[in-house]
Amino acid sequence: MVDLAVGIVIGAAFTAVVNGFVGAFLTPLVGLAIGATGDMSRKTFTLGATELPCSALLNAAIRFLLLACARSKGSMRAHWAPVNDTHQPTIR
């Protein structure tokens, strides 16, 4: 039970780190790549009759991808951990 609580706390802290990294570093880089200058949070694109903010959409997509990759890699590592075969069970 304690392991689950520790995992939740570490996951929340990792989420905060990823959110900060995406907002401070990756979003401006993406803005430079697509030619946006200045405050990218004001940039929008129109889909039908709705204006969608580019920055919020890009931040959410990048955050999701980073967190999904990190968490799936962690669960795969736990699933594929080597098994210690030195202990032989005793049958009575």
PDB file of N, CA and C in Angstrom:
ATOM      1  N   MET A   1       0.818  -1.181   0.000  1.00  0.00           N
ATOM      2  CA  MET A   1       0.000   0.000   0.000  1.00  0.00           C
ATOM      3  C   MET A   1       0.871   1.257   0.000  1.00  0.00           C
ATOM      4  N   VAL A   2       1.979   1.198   0.738  1.00  0.00           N
ATOM      5  CA  VAL A   2       2.888   2.341   0.786  1.00  0.00           C
ATOM      6  C   VAL A   2       3.527   2.561  -0.579  1.00  0.00           C
ATOM      7  N   ASP A   3       3.836   1.458  -1.289  1.00  0.00           N
ATOM      8  CA  ASP A   3       4.423   1.579  -2.625  1.00  0.00           C
ATOM      9  C   ASP A   3       3.499   2.320  -3.573  1.00  0.00           C
ATOM     10  N   LEU A   4       2.215   2.063  -3.476  1.00  0.00           N
ATOM     11  CA  LEU A   4       1.242   2.759  -4.320  1.00  0.00           C
ATOM     12  C   LEU A   4       1.213   4.250  -3.999  1.00  0.00           C
ATOM     13  N   ALA A   5       1.241   4.588  -2.732  1.00  0.00           N
ATOM     14  CA  ALA A   5       1.235   5.998  -2.336  1.00  0.00           C
ATOM     15  C   ALA A   5       2.501   6.705  -2.812  1.00  0.00           C
ATOM     16  N   VAL A   6       3.643   6.036  -2.696  1.00  0.00           N
ATOM     17  CA  VAL A   6       4.903   6.623  -3.170  1.00  0.00           C
ATOM     18  C   VAL A   6       4.850   6.811  -4.682  1.00  0.00           C
ATOM     19  N   GLY A   7       4.306   5.844  -5.385  1.00  0.00           N
ATOM     20  CA  GLY A   7       4.173   5.958  -6.842  1.00  0.00           C
ATOM     21  C   GLY A   7       3.289   7.127  -7.252  1.00  0.00           C
ATOM     22  N   ILE A   8       2.222   7.354  -6.530  1.00  0.00           N
ATOM     23  CA  ILE A   8       1.322   8.471  -6.845  1.00  0.00           C
ATOM     24  C   ILE A   8       2.020   9.803  -6.606  1.00  0.00           C
ATOM     25  N   VAL A   9       2.761   9.910  -5.501  1.00  0.00           N
ATOM     26  CA  VAL A   9       3.472  11.155  -5.200  1.00  0.00           C
ATOM     27  C   VAL A   9       4.551  11.420  -6.245  1.00  0.00           C
ATOM     28  N   ILE A  10       5.303  10.404  -6.612  1.00  0.00           N
ATOM     29  CA  ILE A  10       6.345  10.572  -7.628  1.00  0.00           C
ATOM     30  C   ILE A  10       5.723  10.903  -8.982  1.00  0.00           C
ATOM     31  N   GLY A  11       4.607  10.272  -9.315  1.00  0.00           N
ATOM     32  CA  GLY A  11       3.917  10.578 -10.567  1.00  0.00           C
ATOM     33  C   GLY A  11       3.433  12.018 -10.617  1.00  0.00           C
ATOM     34  N   ALA A  12       2.914  12.518  -9.507  1.00  0.00           N
ATOM     35  CA  ALA A  12       2.454  13.911  -9.466  1.00  0.00           C
ATOM     36  C   ALA A  12       3.624  14.873  -9.611  1.00  0.00           C
ATOM     37  N   ALA A  13       4.739  14.553  -8.950  1.00  0.00           N
ATOM     38  CA  ALA A  13       5.917  15.416  -9.067  1.00  0.00           C
ATOM     39  C   ALA A  13       6.465  15.386 -10.492  1.00  0.00           C
ATOM     40  N   PHE A  14       6.482  14.212 -11.107  1.00  0.00           N
ATOM     41  CA  PHE A  14       6.972  14.098 -12.479  1.00  0.00           C
ATOM     42  C   PHE A  14       6.061  14.865 -13.432  1.00  0.00           C
ATOM     43  N   THR A  15       4.771  14.824 -13.191  1.00  0.00           N
ATOM     44  CA  THR A  15       3.827  15.584 -14.014  1.00  0.00           C
ATOM     45  C   THR A  15       4.113  17.077 -13.929  1.00  0.00           C
ATOM     46  N   ALA A  16       4.407  17.577 -12.741  1.00  0.00           N
ATOM     47  CA  ALA A  16       4.728  19.004 -12.583  1.00  0.00           C
ATOM     48  C   ALA A  16       6.005  19.355 -13.331  1.00  0.00           C
ATOM     49  N   VAL A  17       7.002  18.473 -13.290  1.00  0.00           N
ATOM     50  CA  VAL A  17       8.254  18.718 -14.008  1.00  0.00           C
ATOM     51  C   VAL A  17       8.006  18.747 -15.512  1.00  0.00           C
ATOM     52  N   VAL A  18       7.233  17.804 -16.013  1.00  0.00           N
ATOM     53  CA  VAL A  18       6.932  17.762 -17.446  1.00  0.00           C
ATOM     54  C   VAL A  18       6.152  18.998 -17.866  1.00  0.00           C
ATOM     55  N   ASN A  19       5.180  19.431 -17.066  1.00  0.00           N
ATOM     56  CA  ASN A  19       4.408  20.627 -17.400  1.00  0.00           C
ATOM     57  C   ASN A  19       5.308  21.861 -17.478  1.00  0.00           C
ATOM     58  N   GLY A  20       6.219  21.992 -16.533  1.00  0.00           N
ATOM     59  CA  GLY A  20       7.147  23.113 -16.571  1.00  0.00           C
ATOM     60  C   GLY A  20       8.078  23.058 -17.767  1.00  0.00           C
ATOM     61  N   PHE A  21       8.590  21.881 -18.081  1.00  0.00           N
ATOM     62  CA  PHE A  21       9.491  21.700 -19.220  1.00  0.00           C
ATOM     63  C   PHE A  21       8.790  22.030 -20.539  1.00  0.00           C
ATOM     64  N   VAL A  22       7.578  21.552 -20.684  1.00  0.00           N
ATOM     65  CA  VAL A  22       6.831  21.814 -21.921  1.00  0.00           C
ATOM     66  C   VAL A  22       6.512  23.291 -22.055  1.00  0.00           C
ATOM     67  N   GLY A  23       6.033  23.905 -20.978  1.00  0.00           N
ATOM     68  CA  GLY A  23       5.651  25.313 -21.047  1.00  0.00           C
ATOM     69  C   GLY A  23       6.823  26.260 -21.244  1.00  0.00           C
ATOM     70  N   ALA A  24       7.955  25.956 -20.599  1.00  0.00           N
ATOM     71  CA  ALA A  24       9.087  26.882 -20.643  1.00  0.00           C
ATOM     72  C   ALA A  24      10.063  26.618 -21.781  1.00  0.00           C
ATOM     73  N   PHE A  25      10.128  25.388 -22.258  1.00  0.00           N
ATOM     74  CA  PHE A  25      11.167  25.045 -23.226  1.00  0.00           C
ATOM     75  C   PHE A  25      10.606  24.562 -24.567  1.00  0.00           C
ATOM     76  N   LEU A  26       9.746  23.560 -24.541  1.00  0.00           N
ATOM     77  CA  LEU A  26       9.298  22.971 -25.806  1.00  0.00           C
ATOM     78  C   LEU A  26       8.326  23.849 -26.584  1.00  0.00           C
ATOM     79  N   THR A  27       7.397  24.500 -25.899  1.00  0.00           N
ATOM     80  CA  THR A  27       6.443  25.345 -26.612  1.00  0.00           C
ATOM     81  C   THR A  27       7.126  26.497 -27.351  1.00  0.00           C
ATOM     82  N   PRO A  28       8.082  27.212 -26.734  1.00  0.00           N
ATOM     83  CA  PRO A  28       8.783  28.242 -27.506  1.00  0.00           C
ATOM     84  C   PRO A  28       9.569  27.671 -28.689  1.00  0.00           C
ATOM     85  N   LEU A  29      10.149  26.485 -28.526  1.00  0.00           N
ATOM     86  CA  LEU A  29      10.861  25.864 -29.651  1.00  0.00           C
ATOM     87  C   LEU A  29       9.906  25.529 -30.796  1.00  0.00           C
ATOM     88  N   VAL A  30       8.750  24.997 -30.444  1.00  0.00           N
ATOM     89  CA  VAL A  30       7.752  24.705 -31.481  1.00  0.00           C
ATOM     90  C   VAL A  30       7.298  25.998 -32.130  1.00  0.00           C
ATOM     91  N   GLY A  31       7.139  27.058 -31.333  1.00  0.00           N
ATOM     92  CA  GLY A  31       6.762  28.362 -31.886  1.00  0.00           C
ATOM     93  C   GLY A  31       7.792  28.873 -32.877  1.00  0.00           C
ATOM     94  N   LEU A  32       9.068  28.716 -32.566  1.00  0.00           N
ATOM     95  CA  LEU A  32      10.118  29.109 -33.502  1.00  0.00           C
ATOM     96  C   LEU A  32      10.074  28.268 -34.769  1.00  0.00           C
ATOM     97  N   ALA A  33       9.800  26.982 -34.609  1.00  0.00           N
ATOM     98  CA  ALA A  33       9.769  26.083 -35.763  1.00  0.00           C
ATOM     99  C   ALA A  33       8.632  26.420 -36.722  1.00  0.00           C
ATOM    100  N   ILE A  34       7.496  26.865 -36.188  1.00  0.00           N
ATOM    101  CA  ILE A  34       6.358  27.170 -37.075  1.00  0.00           C
ATOM    102  C   ILE A  34       6.293  28.642 -37.446  1.00  0.00           C
ATOM    103  N   GLY A  35       7.277  29.418 -36.973  1.00  0.00           N
ATOM    104  CA  GLY A  35       7.345  30.820 -37.369  1.00  0.00           C
ATOM    105  C   GLY A  35       6.587  31.777 -36.488  1.00  0.00           C
ATOM    106  N   ALA A  36       6.130  31.315 -35.346  1.00  0.00           N
ATOM    107  CA  ALA A  36       5.433  32.203 -34.418  1.00  0.00           C
ATOM    108  C   ALA A  36       6.465  32.983 -33.622  1.00  0.00           C
ATOM    109  N   THR A  37       6.247  34.258 -33.470  1.00  0.00           N
ATOM    110  CA  THR A  37       7.153  35.076 -32.672  1.00  0.00           C
ATOM    111  C   THR A  37       6.369  35.721 -31.547  1.00  0.00           C
ATOM    112  N   GLY A  38       7.048  36.005 -30.454  1.00  0.00           N
ATOM    113  CA  GLY A  38       6.387  36.651 -29.327  1.00  0.00           C
ATOM    114  C   GLY A  38       5.581  35.657 -28.512  1.00  0.00           C
ATOM    115  N   ASP A  39       4.455  36.114 -27.995  1.00  0.00           N
ATOM    116  CA  ASP A  39       3.609  35.310 -27.130  1.00  0.00           C
ATOM    117  C   ASP A  39       2.776  34.351 -27.965  1.00  0.00           C
ATOM    118  N   MET A  40       3.114  33.092 -27.909  1.00  0.00           N
ATOM    119  CA  MET A  40       2.396  32.097 -28.710  1.00  0.00           C
ATOM    120  C   MET A  40       1.027  31.756 -28.124  1.00  0.00           C
ATOM    121  N   SER A  41       0.757  32.140 -26.877  1.00  0.00           N
ATOM    122  CA  SER A  41      -0.528  31.809 -26.270  1.00  0.00           C
ATOM    123  C   SER A  41      -1.686  32.544 -26.937  1.00  0.00           C
ATOM    124  N   ARG A  42      -1.395  33.599 -27.687  1.00  0.00           N
ATOM    125  CA  ARG A  42      -2.449  34.338 -28.391  1.00  0.00           C
ATOM    126  C   ARG A  42      -2.711  33.801 -29.792  1.00  0.00           C
ATOM    127  N   LYS A  43      -1.882  32.896 -30.268  1.00  0.00           N
ATOM    128  CA  LYS A  43      -2.064  32.342 -31.612  1.00  0.00           C
ATOM    129  C   LYS A  43      -3.229  31.357 -31.609  1.00  0.00           C
ATOM    130  N   THR A  44      -4.075  31.461 -32.618  1.00  0.00           N
ATOM    131  CA  THR A  44      -5.220  30.565 -32.735  1.00  0.00           C
ATOM    132  C   THR A  44      -5.338  30.074 -34.166  1.00  0.00           C
ATOM    133  N   PHE A  45      -6.071  28.986 -34.325  1.00  0.00           N
ATOM    134  CA  PHE A  45      -6.463  28.565 -35.664  1.00  0.00           C
ATOM    135  C   PHE A  45      -7.942  28.242 -35.627  1.00  0.00           C
ATOM    136  N   THR A  46      -8.578  28.389 -36.774  1.00  0.00           N
ATOM    137  CA  THR A  46     -10.029  28.233 -36.846  1.00  0.00           C
ATOM    138  C   THR A  46     -10.375  26.867 -37.402  1.00  0.00           C
ATOM    139  N   LEU A  47     -11.256  26.177 -36.714  1.00  0.00           N
ATOM    140  CA  LEU A  47     -11.765  24.881 -37.139  1.00  0.00           C
ATOM    141  C   LEU A  47     -13.275  25.009 -37.175  1.00  0.00           C
ATOM    142  N   GLY A  48     -13.819  25.132 -38.364  1.00  0.00           N
ATOM    143  CA  GLY A  48     -15.239  25.414 -38.497  1.00  0.00           C
ATOM    144  C   GLY A  48     -15.523  26.815 -38.019  1.00  0.00           C
ATOM    145  N   ALA A  49     -16.383  26.948 -37.016  1.00  0.00           N
ATOM    146  CA  ALA A  49     -16.703  28.259 -36.463  1.00  0.00           C
ATOM    147  C   ALA A  49     -16.028  28.479 -35.112  1.00  0.00           C
ATOM    148  N   THR A  50     -15.106  27.578 -34.751  1.00  0.00           N
ATOM    149  CA  THR A  50     -14.475  27.644 -33.439  1.00  0.00           C
ATOM    150  C   THR A  50     -13.009  28.012 -33.570  1.00  0.00           C
ATOM    151  N   GLU A  51     -12.558  28.943 -32.732  1.00  0.00           N
ATOM    152  CA  GLU A  51     -11.141  29.282 -32.675  1.00  0.00           C
ATOM    153  C   GLU A  51     -10.483  28.476 -31.572  1.00  0.00           C
ATOM    154  N   LEU A  52      -9.425  27.781 -31.913  1.00  0.00           N
ATOM    155  CA  LEU A  52      -8.694  26.959 -30.957  1.00  0.00           C
ATOM    156  C   LEU A  52      -7.315  27.573 -30.707  1.00  0.00           C
ATOM    157  N   PRO A  53      -6.916  27.696 -29.440  1.00  0.00           N
ATOM    158  CA  PRO A  53      -5.586  28.236 -29.153  1.00  0.00           C
ATOM    159  C   PRO A  53      -4.505  27.203 -29.451  1.00  0.00           C
ATOM    160  N   CYS A  54      -3.534  27.588 -30.265  1.00  0.00           N
ATOM    161  CA  CYS A  54      -2.446  26.674 -30.657  1.00  0.00           C
ATOM    162  C   CYS A  54      -1.613  26.253 -29.454  1.00  0.00           C
ATOM    163  N   SER A  55      -1.268  27.188 -28.602  1.00  0.00           N
ATOM    164  CA  SER A  55      -0.371  26.909 -27.490  1.00  0.00           C
ATOM    165  C   SER A  55      -0.974  25.888 -26.534  1.00  0.00           C
ATOM    166  N   ALA A  56      -2.206  26.065 -26.162  1.00  0.00           N
ATOM    167  CA  ALA A  56      -2.831  25.136 -25.221  1.00  0.00           C
ATOM    168  C   ALA A  56      -2.950  23.743 -25.821  1.00  0.00           C
ATOM    169  N   LEU A  57      -3.297  23.671 -27.088  1.00  0.00           N
ATOM    170  CA  LEU A  57      -3.420  22.381 -27.758  1.00  0.00           C
ATOM    171  C   LEU A  57      -2.068  21.690 -27.878  1.00  0.00           C
ATOM    172  N   LEU A  58      -1.040  22.431 -28.273  1.00  0.00           N
ATOM    173  CA  LEU A  58       0.302  21.855 -28.389  1.00  0.00           C
ATOM    174  C   LEU A  58       0.839  21.432 -27.027  1.00  0.00           C
ATOM    175  N   ASN A  59       0.658  22.264 -26.015  1.00  0.00           N
ATOM    176  CA  ASN A  59       1.114  21.905 -24.668  1.00  0.00           C
ATOM    177  C   ASN A  59       0.453  20.624 -24.182  1.00  0.00           C
ATOM    178  N   ALA A  60      -0.852  20.518 -24.364  1.00  0.00           N
ATOM    179  CA  ALA A  60      -1.562  19.324 -23.910  1.00  0.00           C
ATOM    180  C   ALA A  60      -1.093  18.079 -24.659  1.00  0.00           C
ATOM    181  N   ALA A  61      -0.898  18.189 -25.962  1.00  0.00           N
ATOM    182  CA  ALA A  61      -0.453  17.039 -26.752  1.00  0.00           C
ATOM    183  C   ALA A  61       0.960  16.611 -26.364  1.00  0.00           C
ATOM    184  N   ILE A  62       1.857  17.564 -26.197  1.00  0.00           N
ATOM    185  CA  ILE A  62       3.237  17.231 -25.836  1.00  0.00           C
ATOM    186  C   ILE A  62       3.295  16.646 -24.431  1.00  0.00           C
ATOM    187  N   ARG A  63       2.556  17.229 -23.495  1.00  0.00           N
ATOM    188  CA  ARG A  63       2.522  16.694 -22.131  1.00  0.00           C
ATOM    189  C   ARG A  63       2.016  15.262 -22.121  1.00  0.00           C
ATOM    190  N   PHE A  64       0.932  15.020 -22.864  1.00  0.00           N
ATOM    191  CA  PHE A  64       0.368  13.676 -22.912  1.00  0.00           C
ATOM    192  C   PHE A  64       1.386  12.687 -23.468  1.00  0.00           C
ATOM    193  N   LEU A  65       2.046  13.040 -24.559  1.00  0.00           N
ATOM    194  CA  LEU A  65       3.010  12.118 -25.164  1.00  0.00           C
ATOM    195  C   LEU A  65       4.192  11.840 -24.230  1.00  0.00           C
ATOM    196  N   LEU A  66       4.735  12.878 -23.600  1.00  0.00           N
ATOM    197  CA  LEU A  66       5.863  12.670 -22.699  1.00  0.00           C
ATOM    198  C   LEU A  66       5.475  11.817 -21.493  1.00  0.00           C
ATOM    199  N   LEU A  67       4.341  12.113 -20.887  1.00  0.00           N
ATOM    200  CA  LEU A  67       3.922  11.349 -19.720  1.00  0.00           C
ATOM    201  C   LEU A  67       3.553   9.917 -20.090  1.00  0.00           C
ATOM    202  N   ALA A  68       2.886   9.731 -21.225  1.00  0.00           N
ATOM    203  CA  ALA A  68       2.510   8.378 -21.644  1.00  0.00           C
ATOM    204  C   ALA A  68       3.747   7.537 -21.943  1.00  0.00           C
ATOM    205  N   CYS A  69       4.722   8.123 -22.607  1.00  0.00           N
ATOM    206  CA  CYS A  69       5.963   7.384 -22.902  1.00  0.00           C
ATOM    207  C   CYS A  69       6.718   7.041 -21.630  1.00  0.00           C
ATOM    208  N   ALA A  70       6.831   7.988 -20.720  1.00  0.00           N
ATOM    209  CA  ALA A  70       7.576   7.743 -19.485  1.00  0.00           C
ATOM    210  C   ALA A  70       6.880   6.701 -18.616  1.00  0.00           C
ATOM    211  N   ARG A  71       5.589   6.798 -18.511  1.00  0.00           N
ATOM    212  CA  ARG A  71       4.873   5.849 -17.653  1.00  0.00           C
ATOM    213  C   ARG A  71       4.798   4.464 -18.277  1.00  0.00           C
ATOM    214  N   SER A  72       4.643   4.370 -19.585  1.00  0.00           N
ATOM    215  CA  SER A  72       4.607   3.050 -20.208  1.00  0.00           C
ATOM    216  C   SER A  72       5.987   2.410 -20.159  1.00  0.00           C
ATOM    217  N   LYS A  73       7.040   3.205 -20.306  1.00  0.00           N
ATOM    218  CA  LYS A  73       8.400   2.658 -20.210  1.00  0.00           C
ATOM    219  C   LYS A  73       8.657   2.148 -18.794  1.00  0.00           C
ATOM    220  N   GLY A  74       8.192   2.870 -17.794  1.00  0.00           N
ATOM    221  CA  GLY A  74       8.361   2.420 -16.421  1.00  0.00           C
ATOM    222  C   GLY A  74       7.607   1.141 -16.131  1.00  0.00           C
ATOM    223  N   SER A  75       6.393   1.006 -16.655  1.00  0.00           N
ATOM    224  CA  SER A  75       5.637  -0.219 -16.411  1.00  0.00           C
ATOM    225  C   SER A  75       6.226  -1.384 -17.190  1.00  0.00           C
ATOM    226  N   MET A  76       6.783  -1.123 -18.386  1.00  0.00           N
ATOM    227  CA  MET A  76       7.431  -2.199 -19.134  1.00  0.00           C
ATOM    228  C   MET A  76       8.690  -2.655 -18.411  1.00  0.00           C
ATOM    229  N   ARG A  77       9.431  -1.715 -17.818  1.00  0.00           N
ATOM    230  CA  ARG A  77      10.645  -2.067 -17.095  1.00  0.00           C
ATOM    231  C   ARG A  77      10.293  -2.956 -15.908  1.00  0.00           C
ATOM    232  N   ALA A  78       9.216  -2.644 -15.206  1.00  0.00           N
ATOM    233  CA  ALA A  78       8.816  -3.462 -14.069  1.00  0.00           C
ATOM    234  C   ALA A  78       8.330  -4.834 -14.534  1.00  0.00           C
ATOM    235  N   HIS A  79       7.674  -4.883 -15.677  1.00  0.00           N
ATOM    236  CA  HIS A  79       7.152  -6.148 -16.184  1.00  0.00           C
ATOM    237  C   HIS A  79       8.277  -7.053 -16.678  1.00  0.00           C
ATOM    238  N   TRP A  80       9.293  -6.492 -17.279  1.00  0.00           N
ATOM    239  CA  TRP A  80      10.385  -7.280 -17.858  1.00  0.00           C
ATOM    240  C   TRP A  80      11.603  -7.339 -16.952  1.00  0.00           C
ATOM    241  N   ALA A  81      11.424  -7.120 -15.671  1.00  0.00           N
ATOM    242  CA  ALA A  81      12.550  -7.179 -14.738  1.00  0.00           C
ATOM    243  C   ALA A  81      13.101  -8.605 -14.691  1.00  0.00           C
ATOM    244  N   PRO A  82      14.420  -8.757 -14.585  1.00  0.00           N
ATOM    245  CA  PRO A  82      14.995 -10.103 -14.530  1.00  0.00           C
ATOM    246  C   PRO A  82      14.548 -10.839 -13.274  1.00  0.00           C
ATOM    247  N   VAL A  83      14.377 -12.125 -13.416  1.00  0.00           N
ATOM    248  CA  VAL A  83      13.918 -12.963 -12.315  1.00  0.00           C
ATOM    249  C   VAL A  83      15.135 -13.582 -11.649  1.00  0.00           C
ATOM    250  N   ASN A  84      15.156 -13.566 -10.342  1.00  0.00           N
ATOM    251  CA  ASN A  84      16.243 -14.173  -9.590  1.00  0.00           C
ATOM    252  C   ASN A  84      15.966 -15.665  -9.457  1.00  0.00           C
ATOM    253  N   ASP A  85      16.718 -16.504 -10.183  1.00  0.00           N
ATOM    254  CA  ASP A  85      16.491 -17.951 -10.185  1.00  0.00           C
ATOM    255  C   ASP A  85      17.373 -18.694  -9.188  1.00  0.00           C
ATOM    256  N   THR A  86      18.056 -17.989  -8.290  1.00  0.00           N
ATOM    257  CA  THR A  86      18.948 -18.674  -7.354  1.00  0.00           C
ATOM    258  C   THR A  86      18.186 -19.383  -6.250  1.00  0.00           C
ATOM    259  N   HIS A  87      16.973 -18.973  -5.976  1.00  0.00           N
ATOM    260  CA  HIS A  87      16.183 -19.610  -4.917  1.00  0.00           C
ATOM    261  C   HIS A  87      15.370 -20.748  -5.525  1.00  0.00           C
ATOM    262  N   GLN A  88      15.599 -21.946  -5.041  1.00  0.00           N
ATOM    263  CA  GLN A  88      14.845 -23.107  -5.498  1.00  0.00           C
ATOM    264  C   GLN A  88      13.785 -23.443  -4.472  1.00  0.00           C
ATOM    265  N   PRO A  89      12.527 -23.529  -4.880  1.00  0.00           N
ATOM    266  CA  PRO A  89      11.473 -23.860  -3.908  1.00  0.00           C
ATOM    267  C   PRO A  89      11.614 -25.303  -3.395  1.00  0.00           C
ATOM    268  N   THR A  90      11.250 -25.493  -2.163  1.00  0.00           N
ATOM    269  CA  THR A  90      11.308 -26.825  -1.569  1.00  0.00           C
ATOM    270  C   THR A  90       9.918 -27.445  -1.618  1.00  0.00           C
ATOM    271  N   ILE A  91       9.852 -28.650  -2.167  1.00  0.00           N
ATOM    272  CA  ILE A  91       8.565 -29.363  -2.248  1.00  0.00           C
ATOM    273  C   ILE A  91       8.557 -30.405  -1.149  1.00  0.00           C
ATOM    274  N   ARG A  92       7.529 -30.411  -0.336  1.00  0.00           N
ATOM    275  CA  ARG A  92       7.440 -31.375   0.779  1.00  0.00           C
ATOM    276  C   ARG A  92       6.323 -32.331   0.573  1.00  0.00           C
TER     277      ARG A  92
END
